[in-house]
């Protein structure tokens, strides 16, 4: 038995397989990515807490003697176990290694693959049907997200793709659909562009914000970031049905039909939902890069075809 194995046995550490399963569950809870297992990283203590590790188990270290250099190298046993578990997952193509993720996102992180995503859902007893709606990152989806985010903003942009086929059964369509959602909510830093709401579900699996198509799917709207806006559930619905639109200066314009609303409508316990948007001409909270702002051709299409602008 090796020195490391003896240490693991003496301290009654979790098995590598147990740590692999814990890593997959943790990745799912952290949007599909976790940092490397460096000293002081919260993720190291978080997973240790899941196993209820003692102070001795967390602080135990291995010693390696470099005779030629006459020095001793110390490595935390718990960190070593985490790395070995993650390395095993990478060999099974369940996660991408930090060196590989770095090339894609410029961050040294472990990231779920589609295969690892499926396994994590199984471990958490979450139906695979929910996969399409979870904003969890996967290496395959993030490759598409990168292309969407880095694509040049076309001048003569047609937000409608008449050749688009609405087929929901192919893997390519599913990945592209998830990539659109992920690219949009990432671009808007998980906040509603209108009210700024940023909120996650108690189980940390879902963000409240949604990726709204400016030109909808049913009008063959393209899955491009410049045909999308991140909106909370309520503002998403109001935008889709034409209660408000966006002007060329990215300010919100509310439908004149607001005047027809009964006094007890359009309020949240006294908060004036629509009339608040009218006051001061609310401007969208936009991404940092203007190349992925909503395209003027898309928002003009929305004003013409969805927005209720008829005065009453």
C-alpha atoms as a PDB file:
ATOM      1  CA  UNK A   1       0.000   0.000   0.000  1.00  0.00           C
ATOM      2  CA  UNK A   2       1.365   3.410  -0.956  1.00  0.00           C
ATOM      3  CA  UNK A   3       2.144   6.211   1.503  1.00  0.00           C
ATOM      4  CA  UNK A   4      -0.832   8.202   0.205  1.00  0.00           C
ATOM      5  CA  UNK A   5      -3.214   5.217   0.470  1.00  0.00           C
ATOM      6  CA  UNK A   6      -2.138   4.593   4.068  1.00  0.00           C
ATOM      7  CA  UNK A   7      -2.833   8.227   4.951  1.00  0.00           C
ATOM      8  CA  UNK A   8      -6.277   8.057   3.352  1.00  0.00           C
ATOM      9  CA  UNK A   9      -7.079   4.883   5.276  1.00  0.00           C
ATOM     10  CA  UNK A  10      -5.745   6.103   8.617  1.00  0.00           C
ATOM     11  CA  UNK A  11      -7.770   9.312   8.426  1.00  0.00           C
ATOM     12  CA  UNK A  12     -10.907   7.517   7.145  1.00  0.00           C
ATOM     13  CA  UNK A  13     -11.119   9.849   4.145  1.00  0.00           C
ATOM     14  CA  UNK A  14     -13.925   9.465   1.573  1.00  0.00           C
ATOM     15  CA  UNK A  15     -13.250   7.164  -1.361  1.00  0.00           C
ATOM     16  CA  UNK A  16     -12.319   8.653  -4.711  1.00  0.00           C
ATOM     17  CA  UNK A  17     -15.628   7.472  -6.205  1.00  0.00           C
ATOM     18  CA  UNK A  18     -17.559   9.243  -3.437  1.00  0.00           C
ATOM     19  CA  UNK A  19     -15.614  12.444  -4.129  1.00  0.00           C
ATOM     20  CA  UNK A  20     -16.260  12.099  -7.879  1.00  0.00           C
ATOM     21  CA  UNK A  21     -20.011  11.981  -7.249  1.00  0.00           C
ATOM     22  CA  UNK A  22     -19.769  14.949  -4.860  1.00  0.00           C
ATOM     23  CA  UNK A  23     -17.847  16.937  -7.494  1.00  0.00           C
ATOM     24  CA  UNK A  24     -20.530  16.324 -10.126  1.00  0.00           C
ATOM     25  CA  UNK A  25     -23.290  17.408  -7.736  1.00  0.00           C
ATOM     26  CA  UNK A  26     -21.295  20.504  -6.773  1.00  0.00           C
ATOM     27  CA  UNK A  27     -20.622  21.410 -10.402  1.00  0.00           C
ATOM     28  CA  UNK A  28     -24.348  21.277 -11.120  1.00  0.00           C
ATOM     29  CA  UNK A  29     -25.040  23.617  -8.192  1.00  0.00           C
ATOM     30  CA  UNK A  30     -22.345  26.049  -9.365  1.00  0.00           C
ATOM     31  CA  UNK A  31     -23.600  26.560 -12.936  1.00  0.00           C
ATOM     32  CA  UNK A  32     -21.339  23.820 -14.293  1.00  0.00           C
ATOM     33  CA  UNK A  33     -17.949  25.280 -13.295  1.00  0.00           C
ATOM     34  CA  UNK A  34     -15.708  25.277 -10.229  1.00  0.00           C
ATOM     35  CA  UNK A  35     -12.219  26.705  -9.726  1.00  0.00           C
ATOM     36  CA  UNK A  36      -9.041  24.708  -9.286  1.00  0.00           C
ATOM     37  CA  UNK A  37      -8.506  23.277  -5.820  1.00  0.00           C
ATOM     38  CA  UNK A  38      -6.101  25.877  -4.509  1.00  0.00           C
ATOM     39  CA  UNK A  39      -5.505  26.834  -0.889  1.00  0.00           C
ATOM     40  CA  UNK A  40      -8.244  29.102   0.457  1.00  0.00           C
ATOM     41  CA  UNK A  41     -10.734  28.297  -2.289  1.00  0.00           C
ATOM     42  CA  UNK A  42     -14.283  28.156  -0.905  1.00  0.00           C
ATOM     43  CA  UNK A  43     -15.150  25.158  -3.071  1.00  0.00           C
ATOM     44  CA  UNK A  44     -12.560  23.044  -1.200  1.00  0.00           C
ATOM     45  CA  UNK A  45     -14.235  23.732   2.150  1.00  0.00           C
ATOM     46  CA  UNK A  46     -17.724  23.421   0.680  1.00  0.00           C
ATOM     47  CA  UNK A  47     -17.172  19.842  -0.499  1.00  0.00           C
ATOM     48  CA  UNK A  48     -15.315  19.006   2.721  1.00  0.00           C
ATOM     49  CA  UNK A  49     -18.383  20.228   4.602  1.00  0.00           C
ATOM     50  CA  UNK A  50     -20.592  17.919   2.557  1.00  0.00           C
ATOM     51  CA  UNK A  51     -18.564  14.965   3.907  1.00  0.00           C
ATOM     52  CA  UNK A  52     -18.367  16.432   7.401  1.00  0.00           C
ATOM     53  CA  UNK A  53     -14.561  16.285   7.393  1.00  0.00           C
ATOM     54  CA  UNK A  54     -12.820  17.123  10.650  1.00  0.00           C
ATOM     55  CA  UNK A  55     -10.086  19.729  11.058  1.00  0.00           C
ATOM     56  CA  UNK A  56      -7.466  16.964  11.036  1.00  0.00           C
ATOM     57  CA  UNK A  57      -8.839  15.478   7.817  1.00  0.00           C
ATOM     58  CA  UNK A  58      -8.834  18.889   6.119  1.00  0.00           C
ATOM     59  CA  UNK A  59      -5.359  19.895   7.263  1.00  0.00           C
ATOM     60  CA  UNK A  60      -3.480  16.582   6.879  1.00  0.00           C
ATOM     61  CA  UNK A  61      -0.679  16.772   4.334  1.00  0.00           C
ATOM     62  CA  UNK A  62       1.659  14.519   2.409  1.00  0.00           C
ATOM     63  CA  UNK A  63       5.414  15.067   2.434  1.00  0.00           C
ATOM     64  CA  UNK A  64       7.585  14.463  -0.599  1.00  0.00           C
ATOM     65  CA  UNK A  65      11.347  14.676  -0.156  1.00  0.00           C
ATOM     66  CA  UNK A  66      13.419  16.023  -3.062  1.00  0.00           C
ATOM     67  CA  UNK A  67      16.828  14.585  -2.196  1.00  0.00           C
ATOM     68  CA  UNK A  68      18.816  16.353  -4.920  1.00  0.00           C
ATOM     69  CA  UNK A  69      17.434  19.739  -3.867  1.00  0.00           C
ATOM     70  CA  UNK A  70      17.417  18.798  -0.175  1.00  0.00           C
ATOM     71  CA  UNK A  71      13.894  20.119   0.417  1.00  0.00           C
ATOM     72  CA  UNK A  72      10.487  18.814   1.461  1.00  0.00           C
ATOM     73  CA  UNK A  73       7.325  19.510  -0.512  1.00  0.00           C
ATOM     74  CA  UNK A  74       4.021  19.406   1.359  1.00  0.00           C
ATOM     75  CA  UNK A  75       0.625  18.840  -0.275  1.00  0.00           C
ATOM     76  CA  UNK A  76      -2.730  18.775   1.491  1.00  0.00           C
ATOM     77  CA  UNK A  77      -4.211  15.287   1.357  1.00  0.00           C
ATOM     78  CA  UNK A  78      -7.764  16.580   0.854  1.00  0.00           C
ATOM     79  CA  UNK A  79      -6.684  18.773  -2.085  1.00  0.00           C
ATOM     80  CA  UNK A  80      -4.875  15.798  -3.556  1.00  0.00           C
ATOM     81  CA  UNK A  81      -7.982  13.634  -3.264  1.00  0.00           C
ATOM     82  CA  UNK A  82     -10.130  16.298  -4.943  1.00  0.00           C
ATOM     83  CA  UNK A  83      -7.664  16.570  -7.814  1.00  0.00           C
ATOM     84  CA  UNK A  84      -7.459  12.811  -8.309  1.00  0.00           C
ATOM     85  CA  UNK A  85     -11.260  12.580  -8.405  1.00  0.00           C
ATOM     86  CA  UNK A  86     -11.514  15.450 -10.914  1.00  0.00           C
ATOM     87  CA  UNK A  87      -8.713  13.926 -12.995  1.00  0.00           C
ATOM     88  CA  UNK A  88     -10.592  10.612 -13.115  1.00  0.00           C
ATOM     89  CA  UNK A  89     -13.756  12.440 -14.246  1.00  0.00           C
ATOM     90  CA  UNK A  90     -11.759  14.181 -16.971  1.00  0.00           C
ATOM     91  CA  UNK A  91     -10.449  10.830 -18.238  1.00  0.00           C
ATOM     92  CA  UNK A  92     -14.080   9.663 -18.517  1.00  0.00           C
ATOM     93  CA  UNK A  93     -14.966  12.883 -20.388  1.00  0.00           C
ATOM     94  CA  UNK A  94     -17.286  13.998 -17.590  1.00  0.00           C
ATOM     95  CA  UNK A  95     -15.455  17.316 -17.110  1.00  0.00           C
ATOM     96  CA  UNK A  96     -12.958  19.422 -19.013  1.00  0.00           C
ATOM     97  CA  UNK A  97      -9.596  20.097 -17.392  1.00  0.00           C
ATOM     98  CA  UNK A  98      -8.671  23.680 -16.361  1.00  0.00           C
ATOM     99  CA  UNK A  99      -6.001  23.830 -19.085  1.00  0.00           C
ATOM    100  CA  UNK A 100      -8.660  22.969 -21.682  1.00  0.00           C
ATOM    101  CA  UNK A 101     -11.292  25.289 -20.205  1.00  0.00           C
ATOM    102  CA  UNK A 102      -8.750  28.118 -20.133  1.00  0.00           C
ATOM    103  CA  UNK A 103      -8.508  28.040 -23.930  1.00  0.00           C
ATOM    104  CA  UNK A 104     -12.285  28.464 -24.156  1.00  0.00           C
ATOM    105  CA  UNK A 105     -13.179  30.876 -21.339  1.00  0.00           C
ATOM    106  CA  UNK A 106      -9.782  32.285 -20.246  1.00  0.00           C
ATOM    107  CA  UNK A 107     -10.477  30.901 -16.773  1.00  0.00           C
ATOM    108  CA  UNK A 108      -8.775  27.953 -15.100  1.00  0.00           C
ATOM    109  CA  UNK A 109     -11.835  25.941 -14.089  1.00  0.00           C
ATOM    110  CA  UNK A 110     -13.203  22.437 -14.162  1.00  0.00           C
ATOM    111  CA  UNK A 111     -16.313  22.442 -16.386  1.00  0.00           C
ATOM    112  CA  UNK A 112     -19.012  19.848 -16.960  1.00  0.00           C
ATOM    113  CA  UNK A 113     -19.273  18.192 -20.345  1.00  0.00           C
ATOM    114  CA  UNK A 114     -22.640  17.087 -21.720  1.00  0.00           C
ATOM    115  CA  UNK A 115     -21.876  13.561 -20.507  1.00  0.00           C
ATOM    116  CA  UNK A 116     -21.027  14.849 -17.037  1.00  0.00           C
ATOM    117  CA  UNK A 117     -24.131  17.060 -17.036  1.00  0.00           C
ATOM    118  CA  UNK A 118     -26.324  14.005 -17.655  1.00  0.00           C
ATOM    119  CA  UNK A 119     -24.606  12.072 -14.882  1.00  0.00           C
ATOM    120  CA  UNK A 120     -24.951  14.984 -12.435  1.00  0.00           C
ATOM    121  CA  UNK A 121     -28.689  15.193 -13.151  1.00  0.00           C
ATOM    122  CA  UNK A 122     -28.996  11.475 -12.461  1.00  0.00           C
ATOM    123  CA  UNK A 123     -27.117  11.798  -9.150  1.00  0.00           C
ATOM    124  CA  UNK A 124     -29.393  14.672  -8.089  1.00  0.00           C
ATOM    125  CA  UNK A 125     -32.562  12.843  -9.185  1.00  0.00           C
ATOM    126  CA  UNK A 126     -33.447  15.616 -11.628  1.00  0.00           C
ATOM    127  CA  UNK A 127     -35.381  14.549 -14.753  1.00  0.00           C
ATOM    128  CA  UNK A 128     -33.359  14.951 -17.963  1.00  0.00           C
ATOM    129  CA  UNK A 129     -36.347  16.850 -19.401  1.00  0.00           C
ATOM    130  CA  UNK A 130     -35.294  19.805 -17.202  1.00  0.00           C
ATOM    131  CA  UNK A 131     -31.847  19.924 -18.791  1.00  0.00           C
ATOM    132  CA  UNK A 132     -32.977  22.197 -21.607  1.00  0.00           C
ATOM    133  CA  UNK A 133     -34.128  24.856 -19.133  1.00  0.00           C
ATOM    134  CA  UNK A 134     -31.203  24.827 -16.710  1.00  0.00           C
ATOM    135  CA  UNK A 135     -28.560  27.549 -17.261  1.00  0.00           C
ATOM    136  CA  UNK A 136     -25.806  25.075 -16.363  1.00  0.00           C
ATOM    137  CA  UNK A 137     -22.699  25.455 -18.494  1.00  0.00           C
ATOM    138  CA  UNK A 138     -21.224  22.569 -20.418  1.00  0.00           C
ATOM    139  CA  UNK A 139     -18.064  22.546 -22.497  1.00  0.00           C
ATOM    140  CA  UNK A 140     -19.974  21.787 -25.714  1.00  0.00           C
ATOM    141  CA  UNK A 141     -22.540  24.549 -25.141  1.00  0.00           C
ATOM    142  CA  UNK A 142     -19.885  27.100 -24.155  1.00  0.00           C
ATOM    143  CA  UNK A 143     -18.102  26.552 -27.464  1.00  0.00           C
ATOM    144  CA  UNK A 144     -21.277  27.734 -29.214  1.00  0.00           C
ATOM    145  CA  UNK A 145     -21.710  30.570 -26.678  1.00  0.00           C
ATOM    146  CA  UNK A 146     -18.212  31.793 -27.512  1.00  0.00           C
ATOM    147  CA  UNK A 147     -19.044  31.902 -31.224  1.00  0.00           C
ATOM    148  CA  UNK A 148     -22.275  33.788 -30.531  1.00  0.00           C
ATOM    149  CA  UNK A 149     -20.625  36.324 -28.218  1.00  0.00           C
ATOM    150  CA  UNK A 150     -17.607  36.926 -30.451  1.00  0.00           C
ATOM    151  CA  UNK A 151     -19.473  37.117 -33.755  1.00  0.00           C
ATOM    152  CA  UNK A 152     -19.335  40.508 -35.436  1.00  0.00           C
ATOM    153  CA  UNK A 153     -22.425  42.684 -35.334  1.00  0.00           C
ATOM    154  CA  UNK A 154     -23.701  42.897 -38.926  1.00  0.00           C
ATOM    155  CA  UNK A 155     -24.806  46.262 -40.277  1.00  0.00           C
ATOM    156  CA  UNK A 156     -27.481  44.923 -42.616  1.00  0.00           C
ATOM    157  CA  UNK A 157     -28.915  42.442 -40.139  1.00  0.00           C
ATOM    158  CA  UNK A 158     -32.079  40.496 -40.861  1.00  0.00           C
ATOM    159  CA  UNK A 159     -33.375  39.224 -37.492  1.00  0.00           C
ATOM    160  CA  UNK A 160     -35.714  36.786 -39.264  1.00  0.00           C
ATOM    161  CA  UNK A 161     -34.400  33.556 -40.750  1.00  0.00           C
ATOM    162  CA  UNK A 162     -37.024  32.308 -43.195  1.00  0.00           C
ATOM    163  CA  UNK A 163     -35.014  29.140 -43.784  1.00  0.00           C
ATOM    164  CA  UNK A 164     -35.025  28.293 -40.094  1.00  0.00           C
ATOM    165  CA  UNK A 165     -36.537  24.913 -39.291  1.00  0.00           C
ATOM    166  CA  UNK A 166     -38.191  24.491 -35.924  1.00  0.00           C
ATOM    167  CA  UNK A 167     -36.957  20.992 -35.073  1.00  0.00           C
ATOM    168  CA  UNK A 168     -36.621  20.217 -31.382  1.00  0.00           C
ATOM    169  CA  UNK A 169     -35.429  16.656 -31.598  1.00  0.00           C
ATOM    170  CA  UNK A 170     -31.891  17.067 -32.881  1.00  0.00           C
ATOM    171  CA  UNK A 171     -28.903  17.395 -30.549  1.00  0.00           C
ATOM    172  CA  UNK A 172     -27.557  20.297 -32.626  1.00  0.00           C
ATOM    173  CA  UNK A 173     -30.793  22.264 -32.180  1.00  0.00           C
ATOM    174  CA  UNK A 174     -30.881  21.587 -28.436  1.00  0.00           C
ATOM    175  CA  UNK A 175     -27.276  22.716 -27.935  1.00  0.00           C
ATOM    176  CA  UNK A 176     -27.825  25.834 -30.051  1.00  0.00           C
ATOM    177  CA  UNK A 177     -31.003  26.700 -28.133  1.00  0.00           C
ATOM    178  CA  UNK A 178     -29.262  26.338 -24.783  1.00  0.00           C
ATOM    179  CA  UNK A 179     -26.268  28.292 -26.058  1.00  0.00           C
ATOM    180  CA  UNK A 180     -28.502  31.220 -27.076  1.00  0.00           C
ATOM    181  CA  UNK A 181     -30.038  31.360 -23.613  1.00  0.00           C
ATOM    182  CA  UNK A 182     -26.672  31.032 -21.912  1.00  0.00           C
ATOM    183  CA  UNK A 183     -25.008  33.661 -24.108  1.00  0.00           C
ATOM    184  CA  UNK A 184     -27.765  36.212 -23.487  1.00  0.00           C
ATOM    185  CA  UNK A 185     -28.027  35.827 -19.718  1.00  0.00           C
ATOM    186  CA  UNK A 186     -24.217  35.786 -19.398  1.00  0.00           C
ATOM    187  CA  UNK A 187     -23.962  38.957 -21.502  1.00  0.00           C
ATOM    188  CA  UNK A 188     -26.408  40.699 -19.141  1.00  0.00           C
ATOM    189  CA  UNK A 189     -24.658  39.235 -16.038  1.00  0.00           C
ATOM    190  CA  UNK A 190     -27.803  37.308 -15.040  1.00  0.00           C
ATOM    191  CA  UNK A 191     -29.824  40.528 -14.510  1.00  0.00           C
ATOM    192  CA  UNK A 192     -33.080  41.720 -16.021  1.00  0.00           C
ATOM    193  CA  UNK A 193     -32.226  44.496 -18.488  1.00  0.00           C
ATOM    194  CA  UNK A 194     -35.299  46.490 -17.388  1.00  0.00           C
ATOM    195  CA  UNK A 195     -35.523  46.201 -13.596  1.00  0.00           C
ATOM    196  CA  UNK A 196     -32.082  44.789 -12.753  1.00  0.00           C
ATOM    197  CA  UNK A 197     -33.446  41.814 -10.799  1.00  0.00           C
ATOM    198  CA  UNK A 198     -30.780  39.164 -10.176  1.00  0.00           C
ATOM    199  CA  UNK A 199     -32.020  36.135  -8.247  1.00  0.00           C
ATOM    200  CA  UNK A 200     -31.286  32.418  -8.030  1.00  0.00           C
ATOM    201  CA  UNK A 201     -33.515  29.571  -6.874  1.00  0.00           C
ATOM    202  CA  UNK A 202     -32.901  28.186  -3.356  1.00  0.00           C
ATOM    203  CA  UNK A 203     -31.319  25.032  -4.816  1.00  0.00           C
ATOM    204  CA  UNK A 204     -28.929  27.228  -6.866  1.00  0.00           C
ATOM    205  CA  UNK A 205     -29.948  25.518 -10.122  1.00  0.00           C
ATOM    206  CA  UNK A 206     -31.996  28.233 -11.831  1.00  0.00           C
ATOM    207  CA  UNK A 207     -31.589  31.952 -12.427  1.00  0.00           C
ATOM    208  CA  UNK A 208     -34.813  33.960 -12.423  1.00  0.00           C
ATOM    209  CA  UNK A 209     -33.748  35.873 -15.550  1.00  0.00           C
ATOM    210  CA  UNK A 210     -34.669  34.537 -19.001  1.00  0.00           C
ATOM    211  CA  UNK A 211     -33.307  35.055 -22.519  1.00  0.00           C
ATOM    212  CA  UNK A 212     -36.054  36.779 -24.497  1.00  0.00           C
ATOM    213  CA  UNK A 213     -36.053  36.725 -28.300  1.00  0.00           C
ATOM    214  CA  UNK A 214     -36.781  40.196 -29.715  1.00  0.00           C
ATOM    215  CA  UNK A 215     -38.088  38.638 -32.916  1.00  0.00           C
ATOM    216  CA  UNK A 216     -39.788  35.505 -31.543  1.00  0.00           C
ATOM    217  CA  UNK A 217     -39.221  31.909 -32.616  1.00  0.00           C
ATOM    218  CA  UNK A 218     -42.660  31.732 -34.192  1.00  0.00           C
ATOM    219  CA  UNK A 219     -41.635  34.569 -36.534  1.00  0.00           C
ATOM    220  CA  UNK A 220     -38.396  32.678 -37.317  1.00  0.00           C
ATOM    221  CA  UNK A 221     -36.293  34.929 -35.077  1.00  0.00           C
ATOM    222  CA  UNK A 222     -32.585  34.169 -35.158  1.00  0.00           C
ATOM    223  CA  UNK A 223     -30.755  32.679 -32.157  1.00  0.00           C
ATOM    224  CA  UNK A 224     -28.235  35.525 -32.095  1.00  0.00           C
ATOM    225  CA  UNK A 225     -27.259  37.549 -29.028  1.00  0.00           C
ATOM    226  CA  UNK A 226     -28.219  40.761 -30.847  1.00  0.00           C
ATOM    227  CA  UNK A 227     -31.743  39.331 -31.216  1.00  0.00           C
ATOM    228  CA  UNK A 228     -31.991  38.765 -27.474  1.00  0.00           C
ATOM    229  CA  UNK A 229     -32.522  40.609 -24.197  1.00  0.00           C
ATOM    230  CA  UNK A 230     -32.246  39.230 -20.663  1.00  0.00           C
ATOM    231  CA  UNK A 231     -35.543  39.840 -18.850  1.00  0.00           C
ATOM    232  CA  UNK A 232     -37.179  38.667 -15.636  1.00  0.00           C
ATOM    233  CA  UNK A 233     -40.309  36.508 -16.007  1.00  0.00           C
ATOM    234  CA  UNK A 234     -42.716  39.434 -15.673  1.00  0.00           C
ATOM    235  CA  UNK A 235     -40.921  41.815 -18.037  1.00  0.00           C
ATOM    236  CA  UNK A 236     -40.377  38.936 -20.503  1.00  0.00           C
ATOM    237  CA  UNK A 237     -44.124  38.337 -20.680  1.00  0.00           C
ATOM    238  CA  UNK A 238     -44.904  42.058 -20.958  1.00  0.00           C
ATOM    239  CA  UNK A 239     -42.356  42.459 -23.783  1.00  0.00           C
ATOM    240  CA  UNK A 240     -43.624  39.403 -25.678  1.00  0.00           C
ATOM    241  CA  UNK A 241     -47.253  40.585 -25.644  1.00  0.00           C
ATOM    242  CA  UNK A 242     -46.383  44.179 -26.585  1.00  0.00           C
ATOM    243  CA  UNK A 243     -46.931  46.135 -23.387  1.00  0.00           C
ATOM    244  CA  UNK A 244     -43.570  47.804 -23.911  1.00  0.00           C
ATOM    245  CA  UNK A 245     -40.853  48.024 -26.534  1.00  0.00           C
ATOM    246  CA  UNK A 246     -37.339  49.453 -26.909  1.00  0.00           C
ATOM    247  CA  UNK A 247     -36.398  52.611 -28.804  1.00  0.00           C
ATOM    248  CA  UNK A 248     -33.231  53.122 -30.840  1.00  0.00           C
ATOM    249  CA  UNK A 249     -31.559  54.829 -27.853  1.00  0.00           C
ATOM    250  CA  UNK A 250     -32.379  51.702 -25.784  1.00  0.00           C
ATOM    251  CA  UNK A 251     -34.965  53.438 -23.659  1.00  0.00           C
ATOM    252  CA  UNK A 252     -38.201  51.683 -22.779  1.00  0.00           C
ATOM    253  CA  UNK A 253     -41.460  52.858 -24.329  1.00  0.00           C
ATOM    254  CA  UNK A 254     -44.745  51.750 -22.746  1.00  0.00           C
ATOM    255  CA  UNK A 255     -47.859  51.175 -24.835  1.00  0.00           C
ATOM    256  CA  UNK A 256     -50.374  54.073 -24.795  1.00  0.00           C
ATOM    257  CA  UNK A 257     -52.997  51.454 -24.038  1.00  0.00           C
ATOM    258  CA  UNK A 258     -51.883  51.682 -20.421  1.00  0.00           C
ATOM    259  CA  UNK A 259     -54.577  54.341 -20.110  1.00  0.00           C
ATOM    260  CA  UNK A 260     -57.223  51.644 -20.560  1.00  0.00           C
ATOM    261  CA  UNK A 261     -56.029  49.642 -17.584  1.00  0.00           C
ATOM    262  CA  UNK A 262     -58.437  49.600 -14.620  1.00  0.00           C
ATOM    263  CA  UNK A 263     -57.013  51.192 -11.490  1.00  0.00           C
ATOM    264  CA  UNK A 264     -56.586  47.791  -9.837  1.00  0.00           C
ATOM    265  CA  UNK A 265     -54.483  46.370 -12.721  1.00  0.00           C
ATOM    266  CA  UNK A 266     -50.759  46.650 -13.457  1.00  0.00           C
ATOM    267  CA  UNK A 267     -49.816  46.885  -9.770  1.00  0.00           C
ATOM    268  CA  UNK A 268     -47.788  44.735  -7.397  1.00  0.00           C
ATOM    269  CA  UNK A 269     -49.213  45.444  -3.956  1.00  0.00           C
ATOM    270  CA  UNK A 270     -49.404  49.136  -4.779  1.00  0.00           C
ATOM    271  CA  UNK A 271     -46.217  49.224  -6.874  1.00  0.00           C
ATOM    272  CA  UNK A 272     -46.993  50.730 -10.282  1.00  0.00           C
ATOM    273  CA  UNK A 273     -45.450  48.137 -12.612  1.00  0.00           C
ATOM    274  CA  UNK A 274     -46.116  49.863 -15.965  1.00  0.00           C
ATOM    275  CA  UNK A 275     -46.360  53.472 -14.855  1.00  0.00           C
ATOM    276  CA  UNK A 276     -42.938  53.160 -13.239  1.00  0.00           C
ATOM    277  CA  UNK A 277     -41.508  52.406 -16.691  1.00  0.00           C
ATOM    278  CA  UNK A 278     -43.111  55.562 -18.060  1.00  0.00           C
ATOM    279  CA  UNK A 279     -41.550  57.848 -15.508  1.00  0.00           C
ATOM    280  CA  UNK A 280     -38.075  59.012 -16.422  1.00  0.00           C
ATOM    281  CA  UNK A 281     -37.946  56.876 -19.578  1.00  0.00           C
ATOM    282  CA  UNK A 282     -36.149  53.822 -18.193  1.00  0.00           C
ATOM    283  CA  UNK A 283     -33.063  52.803 -20.165  1.00  0.00           C
ATOM    284  CA  UNK A 284     -31.995  49.174 -20.568  1.00  0.00           C
ATOM    285  CA  UNK A 285     -29.068  47.875 -18.529  1.00  0.00           C
ATOM    286  CA  UNK A 286     -26.928  46.731 -21.448  1.00  0.00           C
ATOM    287  CA  UNK A 287     -23.892  44.414 -21.827  1.00  0.00           C
ATOM    288  CA  UNK A 288     -20.394  45.846 -21.536  1.00  0.00           C
ATOM    289  CA  UNK A 289     -19.679  45.350 -25.235  1.00  0.00           C
ATOM    290  CA  UNK A 290     -21.821  47.329 -27.685  1.00  0.00           C
ATOM    291  CA  UNK A 291     -21.227  44.641 -30.348  1.00  0.00           C
ATOM    292  CA  UNK A 292     -23.818  42.481 -28.568  1.00  0.00           C
ATOM    293  CA  UNK A 293     -26.392  45.191 -27.850  1.00  0.00           C
ATOM    294  CA  UNK A 294     -29.864  44.454 -29.259  1.00  0.00           C
ATOM    295  CA  UNK A 295     -29.656  45.182 -32.994  1.00  0.00           C
ATOM    296  CA  UNK A 296     -31.651  48.188 -34.159  1.00  0.00           C
ATOM    297  CA  UNK A 297     -33.225  46.134 -36.946  1.00  0.00           C
ATOM    298  CA  UNK A 298     -34.527  43.661 -34.372  1.00  0.00           C
ATOM    299  CA  UNK A 299     -36.004  46.241 -31.986  1.00  0.00           C
ATOM    300  CA  UNK A 300     -37.532  48.165 -34.914  1.00  0.00           C
ATOM    301  CA  UNK A 301     -39.172  44.928 -36.016  1.00  0.00           C
ATOM    302  CA  UNK A 302     -40.572  44.504 -32.478  1.00  0.00           C
ATOM    303  CA  UNK A 303     -41.941  48.059 -32.451  1.00  0.00           C
ATOM    304  CA  UNK A 304     -43.665  47.491 -35.772  1.00  0.00           C
ATOM    305  CA  UNK A 305     -44.992  43.958 -35.284  1.00  0.00           C
ATOM    306  CA  UNK A 306     -45.433  43.288 -31.543  1.00  0.00           C
ATOM    307  CA  UNK A 307     -45.723  46.613 -29.714  1.00  0.00           C
ATOM    308  CA  UNK A 308     -49.254  47.965 -29.211  1.00  0.00           C
ATOM    309  CA  UNK A 309     -48.730  51.565 -30.199  1.00  0.00           C
ATOM    310  CA  UNK A 310     -52.282  52.506 -31.122  1.00  0.00           C
ATOM    311  CA  UNK A 311     -53.436  55.440 -29.034  1.00  0.00           C
ATOM    312  CA  UNK A 312     -56.760  55.284 -27.218  1.00  0.00           C
END
